[in-house]
Amino acid sequence: MQSLKRSGMLFIILLAVMAFPTVCMARSGGIQPSALLSASAPAVSDIKWVGKSASLPEAGKVNMVIFWNGVYSSSINALVSAEKIYQKYGPQGLVVLGINDMGEDISVLLRVVSQKKISFSLGTGNGAVKAAELYGIRGVPAVILIDRGGSVVYVADGLNYSVEAELSSIIEGML
């Protein structure tokens, strides 16, 4: 009897391990953000914005899109790093958009804007969740850079000092 219970548990664990990649693929439509490199950035509507209303992507402009959520401190830190980039390059035309991949309540976005002094637009709601799916986001933070022609030119998991420096270099060349 004990052996039968143990076999049943092993079967359930094995089934869960085998199903996990399928569940992850279903969330992202089976793509990864890097698969979008050189492709047209998916356009997404129905995003609820805090700050200035925006489009994803903003046509004819260089866009830096940060996918984030309020659950992970690394996401909030990425928004702070993105704010530095926005302060430096926003006056030259860079559009920075923070997309909440979980579509969290607007109160989460308002709290982040207030506490972290974020001045670029943050988006949430069903449209933001759809954007995360279309862009193949599997973890946050994630950064997507879109050129003036609407093509994805850069993808990074996370936003730290080395990514910040690399992004700055690329953005300078695009503006």
N, C-alpha and C. Protein backbone atom coordinates (compact mmCIF):
# COMPACT_ATOMS: atom_id res chain seq x y z
N MET A 1 0.83 -1.19 0.00
CA MET A 1 0.00 0.00 0.00
C MET A 1 0.87 1.26 0.00
N GLN A 2 1.91 1.24 0.84
CA GLN A 2 2.84 2.37 0.93
C GLN A 2 3.52 2.59 -0.42
N SER A 3 3.89 1.52 -1.05
CA SER A 3 4.55 1.60 -2.35
C SER A 3 3.60 2.20 -3.41
N LEU A 4 2.32 1.87 -3.32
CA LEU A 4 1.34 2.40 -4.25
C LEU A 4 1.16 3.91 -4.06
N LYS A 5 1.12 4.36 -2.82
CA LYS A 5 1.01 5.80 -2.54
C LYS A 5 2.23 6.54 -3.06
N ARG A 6 3.41 5.96 -2.82
CA ARG A 6 4.66 6.58 -3.27
C ARG A 6 4.69 6.66 -4.80
N SER A 7 4.24 5.61 -5.47
CA SER A 7 4.20 5.61 -6.94
C SER A 7 3.24 6.67 -7.46
N GLY A 8 2.10 6.81 -6.79
CA GLY A 8 1.13 7.82 -7.18
C GLY A 8 1.69 9.23 -7.03
N MET A 9 2.39 9.48 -5.94
CA MET A 9 2.99 10.80 -5.72
C MET A 9 4.07 11.08 -6.76
N LEU A 10 4.89 10.09 -7.07
CA LEU A 10 5.93 10.26 -8.07
C LEU A 10 5.31 10.56 -9.44
N PHE A 11 4.21 9.89 -9.74
CA PHE A 11 3.52 10.14 -11.01
C PHE A 11 3.01 11.59 -11.07
N ILE A 12 2.43 12.07 -9.98
CA ILE A 12 1.91 13.45 -9.94
C ILE A 12 3.04 14.45 -10.09
N ILE A 13 4.15 14.21 -9.41
CA ILE A 13 5.30 15.11 -9.51
C ILE A 13 5.85 15.10 -10.93
N LEU A 14 5.99 13.94 -11.52
CA LEU A 14 6.48 13.83 -12.88
C LEU A 14 5.55 14.54 -13.86
N LEU A 15 4.27 14.39 -13.68
CA LEU A 15 3.28 15.05 -14.54
C LEU A 15 3.40 16.58 -14.42
N ALA A 16 3.56 17.07 -13.20
CA ALA A 16 3.70 18.52 -12.99
C ALA A 16 4.97 19.05 -13.64
N VAL A 17 6.06 18.33 -13.51
CA VAL A 17 7.32 18.76 -14.11
C VAL A 17 7.21 18.78 -15.63
N MET A 18 6.54 17.80 -16.19
CA MET A 18 6.39 17.74 -17.64
C MET A 18 5.44 18.83 -18.14
N ALA A 19 4.44 19.20 -17.35
CA ALA A 19 3.46 20.19 -17.78
C ALA A 19 3.97 21.62 -17.65
N PHE A 20 4.94 21.86 -16.76
CA PHE A 20 5.40 23.22 -16.49
C PHE A 20 5.85 23.97 -17.74
N PRO A 21 6.69 23.40 -18.60
CA PRO A 21 7.07 24.14 -19.82
C PRO A 21 5.88 24.47 -20.72
N THR A 22 4.91 23.59 -20.77
CA THR A 22 3.73 23.83 -21.60
C THR A 22 2.94 25.01 -21.06
N VAL A 23 2.80 25.09 -19.74
CA VAL A 23 2.08 26.20 -19.13
C VAL A 23 2.82 27.50 -19.41
N CYS A 24 4.13 27.51 -19.28
CA CYS A 24 4.92 28.72 -19.55
C CYS A 24 4.79 29.13 -21.01
N MET A 25 4.84 28.17 -21.91
CA MET A 25 4.73 28.48 -23.33
C MET A 25 3.35 29.05 -23.64
N ALA A 26 2.32 28.55 -22.98
CA ALA A 26 0.97 29.03 -23.25
C ALA A 26 0.84 30.50 -22.87
N ARG A 27 1.47 30.92 -21.78
CA ARG A 27 1.37 32.31 -21.36
C ARG A 27 1.99 33.24 -22.38
N SER A 28 3.08 32.83 -22.98
CA SER A 28 3.78 33.73 -23.89
C SER A 28 3.51 33.42 -25.36
N GLY A 29 2.56 32.55 -25.61
CA GLY A 29 2.27 32.22 -27.00
C GLY A 29 3.39 31.42 -27.63
N GLY A 30 4.29 30.85 -26.80
CA GLY A 30 5.35 30.01 -27.31
C GLY A 30 6.56 30.78 -27.81
N ILE A 31 6.58 32.10 -27.66
CA ILE A 31 7.72 32.87 -28.13
C ILE A 31 8.51 33.42 -26.95
N GLN A 32 9.70 33.86 -27.22
CA GLN A 32 10.52 34.56 -26.25
C GLN A 32 10.77 35.95 -26.81
N PRO A 33 11.01 36.94 -25.93
CA PRO A 33 11.24 38.29 -26.44
C PRO A 33 12.33 38.37 -27.50
N SER A 34 13.39 37.56 -27.37
CA SER A 34 14.48 37.62 -28.35
C SER A 34 14.02 37.21 -29.75
N ALA A 35 12.92 36.47 -29.83
CA ALA A 35 12.39 36.08 -31.15
C ALA A 35 11.85 37.30 -31.90
N LEU A 36 11.60 38.39 -31.19
CA LEU A 36 11.08 39.61 -31.81
C LEU A 36 12.17 40.48 -32.42
N LEU A 37 13.44 40.19 -32.14
CA LEU A 37 14.52 41.02 -32.67
C LEU A 37 14.39 41.16 -34.18
N SER A 38 14.46 42.38 -34.67
CA SER A 38 14.34 42.75 -36.08
C SER A 38 12.90 42.65 -36.61
N ALA A 39 11.98 42.19 -35.80
CA ALA A 39 10.58 42.10 -36.22
C ALA A 39 9.85 43.38 -35.82
N SER A 40 8.69 43.58 -36.39
CA SER A 40 7.86 44.72 -36.00
C SER A 40 7.34 44.49 -34.59
N ALA A 41 7.41 45.53 -33.78
CA ALA A 41 6.90 45.46 -32.42
C ALA A 41 5.37 45.33 -32.46
N PRO A 42 4.82 44.38 -31.71
CA PRO A 42 3.37 44.26 -31.69
C PRO A 42 2.71 45.53 -31.14
N ALA A 43 1.66 45.98 -31.81
CA ALA A 43 0.89 47.12 -31.32
C ALA A 43 -0.20 46.60 -30.39
N VAL A 44 -0.36 47.28 -29.26
CA VAL A 44 -1.34 46.85 -28.26
C VAL A 44 -2.17 48.05 -27.85
N SER A 45 -3.47 47.83 -27.76
CA SER A 45 -4.36 48.89 -27.28
C SER A 45 -5.02 48.43 -25.99
N ASP A 46 -5.96 49.19 -25.50
CA ASP A 46 -6.72 48.86 -24.30
C ASP A 46 -5.84 48.81 -23.05
N ILE A 47 -4.78 49.59 -23.03
CA ILE A 47 -3.93 49.69 -21.83
C ILE A 47 -4.43 50.89 -21.02
N LYS A 48 -4.57 50.71 -19.72
CA LYS A 48 -4.95 51.80 -18.82
C LYS A 48 -3.66 52.48 -18.37
N TRP A 49 -3.57 53.79 -18.59
CA TRP A 49 -2.33 54.52 -18.33
C TRP A 49 -2.40 55.38 -17.09
N VAL A 50 -1.31 55.41 -16.36
CA VAL A 50 -1.07 56.38 -15.29
C VAL A 50 -0.02 57.31 -15.85
N GLY A 51 -0.30 58.59 -15.82
CA GLY A 51 0.58 59.55 -16.49
C GLY A 51 -0.03 59.87 -17.84
N LYS A 52 0.79 60.31 -18.74
CA LYS A 52 0.34 60.67 -20.08
C LYS A 52 -0.17 59.43 -20.82
N SER A 53 -1.30 59.57 -21.52
CA SER A 53 -1.79 58.46 -22.36
C SER A 53 -0.74 58.18 -23.44
N ALA A 54 -0.62 56.94 -23.81
CA ALA A 54 0.41 56.55 -24.76
C ALA A 54 -0.12 55.45 -25.67
N SER A 55 0.68 55.11 -26.65
CA SER A 55 0.44 53.97 -27.53
C SER A 55 1.63 53.04 -27.39
N LEU A 56 1.39 51.76 -27.53
CA LEU A 56 2.48 50.79 -27.50
C LEU A 56 2.54 50.12 -28.86
N PRO A 57 3.60 50.40 -29.64
CA PRO A 57 4.63 51.43 -29.43
C PRO A 57 4.17 52.80 -29.93
N GLU A 58 4.90 53.84 -29.53
CA GLU A 58 4.66 55.20 -30.02
C GLU A 58 5.29 55.28 -31.41
N ALA A 59 4.48 55.44 -32.43
CA ALA A 59 4.94 55.44 -33.82
C ALA A 59 5.90 56.59 -34.10
N GLY A 60 6.96 56.28 -34.85
CA GLY A 60 7.92 57.30 -35.27
C GLY A 60 8.88 57.75 -34.19
N LYS A 61 8.87 57.08 -33.04
CA LYS A 61 9.76 57.47 -31.94
C LYS A 61 10.54 56.25 -31.45
N VAL A 62 11.65 56.52 -30.80
CA VAL A 62 12.41 55.45 -30.15
C VAL A 62 11.68 55.15 -28.84
N ASN A 63 11.34 53.89 -28.63
CA ASN A 63 10.60 53.44 -27.44
C ASN A 63 11.45 52.50 -26.61
N MET A 64 11.48 52.74 -25.32
CA MET A 64 12.04 51.78 -24.37
C MET A 64 10.88 51.30 -23.51
N VAL A 65 10.59 50.01 -23.58
CA VAL A 65 9.46 49.43 -22.87
C VAL A 65 9.99 48.54 -21.75
N ILE A 66 9.54 48.82 -20.54
CA ILE A 66 9.95 48.03 -19.37
C ILE A 66 8.73 47.23 -18.92
N PHE A 67 8.83 45.92 -18.93
CA PHE A 67 7.78 45.08 -18.37
C PHE A 67 8.14 44.83 -16.91
N TRP A 68 7.17 45.02 -16.03
CA TRP A 68 7.41 44.98 -14.59
C TRP A 68 6.13 44.58 -13.86
N ASN A 69 6.25 44.38 -12.55
CA ASN A 69 5.07 44.28 -11.69
C ASN A 69 5.47 44.66 -10.27
N GLY A 70 4.48 44.83 -9.42
CA GLY A 70 4.72 45.28 -8.06
C GLY A 70 5.13 44.18 -7.11
N VAL A 71 5.24 42.95 -7.58
CA VAL A 71 5.57 41.82 -6.72
C VAL A 71 7.07 41.74 -6.45
N TYR A 72 7.89 42.06 -7.45
CA TYR A 72 9.33 41.87 -7.34
C TYR A 72 10.06 43.20 -7.19
N SER A 73 10.92 43.30 -6.19
CA SER A 73 11.68 44.54 -5.98
C SER A 73 12.59 44.83 -7.17
N SER A 74 13.05 43.79 -7.86
CA SER A 74 13.90 44.03 -9.04
C SER A 74 13.13 44.78 -10.12
N SER A 75 11.82 44.57 -10.19
CA SER A 75 10.99 45.30 -11.14
C SER A 75 10.93 46.78 -10.78
N ILE A 76 10.74 47.06 -9.52
CA ILE A 76 10.67 48.45 -9.07
C ILE A 76 12.02 49.12 -9.29
N ASN A 77 13.11 48.40 -8.99
CA ASN A 77 14.46 48.94 -9.23
C ASN A 77 14.68 49.23 -10.71
N ALA A 78 14.13 48.39 -11.58
CA ALA A 78 14.26 48.61 -13.02
C ALA A 78 13.54 49.89 -13.43
N LEU A 79 12.40 50.16 -12.81
CA LEU A 79 11.69 51.41 -13.12
C LEU A 79 12.52 52.62 -12.71
N VAL A 80 13.20 52.52 -11.58
CA VAL A 80 14.07 53.62 -11.11
C VAL A 80 15.21 53.83 -12.11
N SER A 81 15.81 52.75 -12.58
CA SER A 81 16.88 52.86 -13.59
C SER A 81 16.32 53.44 -14.89
N ALA A 82 15.13 53.00 -15.28
CA ALA A 82 14.50 53.52 -16.50
C ALA A 82 14.22 55.01 -16.35
N GLU A 83 13.88 55.46 -15.16
CA GLU A 83 13.63 56.88 -14.92
C GLU A 83 14.89 57.70 -15.18
N LYS A 84 16.04 57.17 -14.77
CA LYS A 84 17.32 57.86 -15.03
C LYS A 84 17.54 58.00 -16.54
N ILE A 85 17.29 56.94 -17.27
CA ILE A 85 17.45 56.97 -18.73
C ILE A 85 16.46 57.96 -19.33
N TYR A 86 15.24 57.94 -18.83
CA TYR A 86 14.21 58.85 -19.34
C TYR A 86 14.58 60.31 -19.07
N GLN A 87 15.11 60.60 -17.91
CA GLN A 87 15.51 61.97 -17.59
C GLN A 87 16.62 62.45 -18.52
N LYS A 88 17.50 61.52 -18.89
CA LYS A 88 18.62 61.87 -19.76
C LYS A 88 18.20 62.01 -21.22
N TYR A 89 17.38 61.09 -21.72
CA TYR A 89 17.07 61.03 -23.16
C TYR A 89 15.64 61.43 -23.52
N GLY A 90 14.75 61.53 -22.55
CA GLY A 90 13.38 61.95 -22.83
C GLY A 90 13.31 63.29 -23.56
N PRO A 91 14.10 64.29 -23.11
CA PRO A 91 14.06 65.58 -23.81
C PRO A 91 14.51 65.51 -25.28
N GLN A 92 15.23 64.43 -25.62
CA GLN A 92 15.67 64.25 -27.01
C GLN A 92 14.68 63.40 -27.81
N GLY A 93 13.59 62.97 -27.17
CA GLY A 93 12.55 62.25 -27.89
C GLY A 93 12.35 60.80 -27.51
N LEU A 94 13.12 60.27 -26.55
CA LEU A 94 12.92 58.89 -26.13
C LEU A 94 11.59 58.76 -25.40
N VAL A 95 10.81 57.75 -25.77
CA VAL A 95 9.57 57.42 -25.07
C VAL A 95 9.87 56.21 -24.19
N VAL A 96 9.56 56.32 -22.91
CA VAL A 96 9.71 55.19 -21.98
C VAL A 96 8.32 54.83 -21.48
N LEU A 97 8.00 53.54 -21.57
CA LEU A 97 6.71 53.03 -21.13
C LEU A 97 6.93 51.86 -20.19
N GLY A 98 6.30 51.90 -19.03
CA GLY A 98 6.35 50.79 -18.08
C GLY A 98 5.06 50.00 -18.16
N ILE A 99 5.15 48.74 -18.54
CA ILE A 99 3.97 47.90 -18.73
C ILE A 99 3.91 46.86 -17.61
N ASN A 100 2.84 46.90 -16.82
CA ASN A 100 2.66 45.96 -15.72
C ASN A 100 2.15 44.64 -16.28
N ASP A 101 3.01 43.63 -16.28
CA ASP A 101 2.69 42.36 -16.96
C ASP A 101 1.55 41.59 -16.31
N MET A 102 1.19 41.93 -15.08
CA MET A 102 0.11 41.23 -14.38
C MET A 102 -1.20 42.00 -14.43
N GLY A 103 -1.18 43.22 -14.99
CA GLY A 103 -2.39 44.02 -15.03
C GLY A 103 -2.89 44.40 -13.64
N GLU A 104 -1.94 44.65 -12.74
CA GLU A 104 -2.31 44.95 -11.35
C GLU A 104 -3.18 46.21 -11.26
N ASP A 105 -3.84 46.33 -10.12
CA ASP A 105 -4.73 47.46 -9.88
C ASP A 105 -3.98 48.78 -10.03
N ILE A 106 -4.69 49.77 -10.50
CA ILE A 106 -4.11 51.09 -10.75
C ILE A 106 -3.48 51.68 -9.48
N SER A 107 -3.98 51.29 -8.31
CA SER A 107 -3.43 51.79 -7.05
C SER A 107 -1.96 51.38 -6.88
N VAL A 108 -1.58 50.22 -7.40
CA VAL A 108 -0.19 49.77 -7.35
C VAL A 108 0.68 50.74 -8.16
N LEU A 109 0.21 51.10 -9.35
CA LEU A 109 0.96 52.01 -10.20
C LEU A 109 1.07 53.39 -9.57
N LEU A 110 -0.02 53.87 -9.00
CA LEU A 110 -0.01 55.18 -8.36
C LEU A 110 0.97 55.22 -7.18
N ARG A 111 1.02 54.13 -6.42
CA ARG A 111 1.95 54.04 -5.29
C ARG A 111 3.40 54.09 -5.77
N VAL A 112 3.70 53.35 -6.84
CA VAL A 112 5.06 53.33 -7.39
C VAL A 112 5.44 54.71 -7.92
N VAL A 113 4.53 55.35 -8.65
CA VAL A 113 4.79 56.69 -9.18
C VAL A 113 5.11 57.64 -8.03
N SER A 114 4.32 57.58 -6.98
CA SER A 114 4.50 58.48 -5.84
C SER A 114 5.78 58.20 -5.06
N GLN A 115 6.01 56.94 -4.74
CA GLN A 115 7.17 56.58 -3.91
C GLN A 115 8.49 56.69 -4.65
N LYS A 116 8.51 56.34 -5.92
CA LYS A 116 9.77 56.27 -6.68
C LYS A 116 9.95 57.44 -7.64
N LYS A 117 8.98 58.35 -7.66
CA LYS A 117 9.06 59.56 -8.51
C LYS A 117 9.24 59.20 -9.99
N ILE A 118 8.40 58.29 -10.46
CA ILE A 118 8.43 57.87 -11.87
C ILE A 118 7.63 58.89 -12.68
N SER A 119 8.24 59.43 -13.72
CA SER A 119 7.57 60.47 -14.51
C SER A 119 7.14 60.00 -15.89
N PHE A 120 7.53 58.81 -16.30
CA PHE A 120 7.05 58.29 -17.59
C PHE A 120 5.76 57.50 -17.36
N SER A 121 5.06 57.19 -18.43
CA SER A 121 3.75 56.52 -18.34
C SER A 121 3.89 55.06 -17.95
N LEU A 122 3.00 54.64 -17.04
CA LEU A 122 2.90 53.25 -16.63
C LEU A 122 1.54 52.72 -17.06
N GLY A 123 1.52 51.50 -17.60
CA GLY A 123 0.28 50.91 -18.09
C GLY A 123 -0.08 49.62 -17.39
N THR A 124 -1.39 49.38 -17.28
CA THR A 124 -1.90 48.18 -16.64
C THR A 124 -3.20 47.76 -17.30
N GLY A 125 -3.86 46.78 -16.72
CA GLY A 125 -5.13 46.30 -17.23
C GLY A 125 -4.97 45.14 -18.20
N ASN A 126 -6.08 44.76 -18.80
CA ASN A 126 -6.07 43.62 -19.74
C ASN A 126 -5.15 43.85 -20.92
N GLY A 127 -5.07 45.10 -21.39
CA GLY A 127 -4.17 45.41 -22.51
C GLY A 127 -2.71 45.19 -22.15
N ALA A 128 -2.35 45.50 -20.91
CA ALA A 128 -0.97 45.29 -20.45
C ALA A 128 -0.64 43.80 -20.37
N VAL A 129 -1.59 43.02 -19.88
CA VAL A 129 -1.39 41.56 -19.82
C VAL A 129 -1.24 41.01 -21.24
N LYS A 130 -2.07 41.50 -22.16
CA LYS A 130 -1.99 41.07 -23.57
C LYS A 130 -0.63 41.47 -24.16
N ALA A 131 -0.14 42.67 -23.81
CA ALA A 131 1.17 43.11 -24.30
C ALA A 131 2.26 42.15 -23.84
N ALA A 132 2.21 41.76 -22.57
CA ALA A 132 3.22 40.82 -22.04
C ALA A 132 3.19 39.50 -22.82
N GLU A 133 2.00 39.05 -23.16
CA GLU A 133 1.87 37.82 -23.94
C GLU A 133 2.44 38.00 -25.35
N LEU A 134 2.06 39.09 -26.01
CA LEU A 134 2.52 39.33 -27.39
C LEU A 134 4.02 39.54 -27.49
N TYR A 135 4.61 40.12 -26.44
CA TYR A 135 6.05 40.36 -26.44
C TYR A 135 6.82 39.16 -25.87
N GLY A 136 6.11 38.11 -25.48
CA GLY A 136 6.76 36.89 -25.01
C GLY A 136 7.42 37.02 -23.65
N ILE A 137 6.90 37.87 -22.80
CA ILE A 137 7.53 38.11 -21.50
C ILE A 137 7.29 36.91 -20.59
N ARG A 138 8.39 36.37 -20.07
CA ARG A 138 8.32 35.20 -19.19
C ARG A 138 8.77 35.53 -17.78
N GLY A 139 9.38 36.67 -17.61
CA GLY A 139 9.84 37.10 -16.30
C GLY A 139 10.09 38.59 -16.33
N VAL A 140 10.03 39.19 -15.18
CA VAL A 140 10.25 40.64 -15.10
C VAL A 140 11.36 40.93 -14.11
N PRO A 141 12.02 42.03 -14.31
CA PRO A 141 11.82 43.01 -15.36
C PRO A 141 12.40 42.55 -16.70
N ALA A 142 11.84 43.08 -17.75
CA ALA A 142 12.33 42.84 -19.11
C ALA A 142 12.29 44.17 -19.86
N VAL A 143 13.29 44.38 -20.71
CA VAL A 143 13.41 45.63 -21.45
C VAL A 143 13.37 45.35 -22.95
N ILE A 144 12.57 46.10 -23.66
CA ILE A 144 12.47 46.01 -25.12
C ILE A 144 12.75 47.40 -25.67
N LEU A 145 13.65 47.49 -26.64
CA LEU A 145 13.95 48.77 -27.29
C LEU A 145 13.44 48.68 -28.72
N ILE A 146 12.65 49.69 -29.11
CA ILE A 146 12.00 49.73 -30.42
C ILE A 146 12.48 50.97 -31.16
N ASP A 147 12.91 50.79 -32.42
CA ASP A 147 13.42 51.95 -33.18
C ASP A 147 12.27 52.77 -33.77
N ARG A 148 12.63 53.88 -34.42
CA ARG A 148 11.63 54.80 -34.99
C ARG A 148 10.74 54.13 -36.04
N GLY A 149 11.27 53.10 -36.68
CA GLY A 149 10.50 52.37 -37.68
C GLY A 149 9.57 51.32 -37.11
N GLY A 150 9.62 51.12 -35.79
CA GLY A 150 8.73 50.16 -35.14
C GLY A 150 9.30 48.76 -35.01
N SER A 151 10.62 48.61 -35.27
CA SER A 151 11.25 47.29 -35.14
C SER A 151 11.91 47.13 -33.79
N VAL A 152 11.84 45.92 -33.26
CA VAL A 152 12.51 45.60 -32.00
C VAL A 152 14.00 45.46 -32.29
N VAL A 153 14.82 46.24 -31.58
CA VAL A 153 16.26 46.22 -31.84
C VAL A 153 17.07 45.73 -30.64
N TYR A 154 16.43 45.60 -29.48
CA TYR A 154 17.17 45.19 -28.29
C TYR A 154 16.19 44.56 -27.31
N VAL A 155 16.64 43.48 -26.67
CA VAL A 155 15.86 42.78 -25.66
C VAL A 155 16.80 42.42 -24.51
N ALA A 156 16.36 42.66 -23.28
CA ALA A 156 17.17 42.27 -22.12
C ALA A 156 16.27 41.79 -21.00
N ASP A 157 16.74 40.77 -20.31
CA ASP A 157 16.09 40.34 -19.07
C ASP A 157 16.73 41.14 -17.96
N GLY A 158 15.96 41.97 -17.31
CA GLY A 158 16.48 42.78 -16.22
C GLY A 158 16.97 44.13 -16.70
N LEU A 159 17.23 44.98 -15.72
CA LEU A 159 17.78 46.30 -16.01
C LEU A 159 18.68 46.66 -14.84
N ASN A 160 19.97 46.44 -15.03
CA ASN A 160 20.95 46.77 -14.01
C ASN A 160 21.96 47.74 -14.61
N TYR A 161 23.04 48.00 -13.88
CA TYR A 161 24.00 49.01 -14.34
C TYR A 161 24.62 48.66 -15.69
N SER A 162 24.96 47.40 -15.91
CA SER A 162 25.58 47.05 -17.19
C SER A 162 24.58 47.19 -18.34
N VAL A 163 23.33 46.78 -18.11
CA VAL A 163 22.30 46.93 -19.14
C VAL A 163 22.01 48.41 -19.36
N GLU A 164 21.98 49.18 -18.27
CA GLU A 164 21.73 50.62 -18.36
C GLU A 164 22.78 51.29 -19.25
N ALA A 165 24.04 50.92 -19.07
CA ALA A 165 25.13 51.49 -19.88
C ALA A 165 24.99 51.07 -21.34
N GLU A 166 24.68 49.82 -21.57
CA GLU A 166 24.51 49.31 -22.93
C GLU A 166 23.33 50.01 -23.62
N LEU A 167 22.22 50.13 -22.90
CA LEU A 167 21.05 50.81 -23.45
C LEU A 167 21.35 52.26 -23.78
N SER A 168 22.04 52.95 -22.89
CA SER A 168 22.39 54.35 -23.13
C SER A 168 23.18 54.50 -24.42
N SER A 169 24.13 53.60 -24.63
CA SER A 169 24.94 53.63 -25.84
C SER A 169 24.08 53.44 -27.09
N ILE A 170 23.18 52.47 -27.06
CA ILE A 170 22.32 52.19 -28.19
C ILE A 170 21.35 53.35 -28.44
N ILE A 171 20.76 53.86 -27.37
CA ILE A 171 19.78 54.95 -27.48
C ILE A 171 20.45 56.19 -28.07
N GLU A 172 21.66 56.51 -27.62
CA GLU A 172 22.38 57.67 -28.15
C GLU A 172 22.53 57.58 -29.66
N GLY A 173 22.79 56.38 -30.15
CA GLY A 173 22.96 56.17 -31.59
C GLY A 173 21.66 56.25 -32.37
N MET A 174 20.54 56.08 -31.68
CA MET A 174 19.23 56.07 -32.34
C MET A 174 18.55 57.44 -32.34
N LEU A 175 18.92 58.29 -31.40
CA LEU A 175 18.25 59.61 -31.30
C LEU A 175 18.87 60.64 -32.19
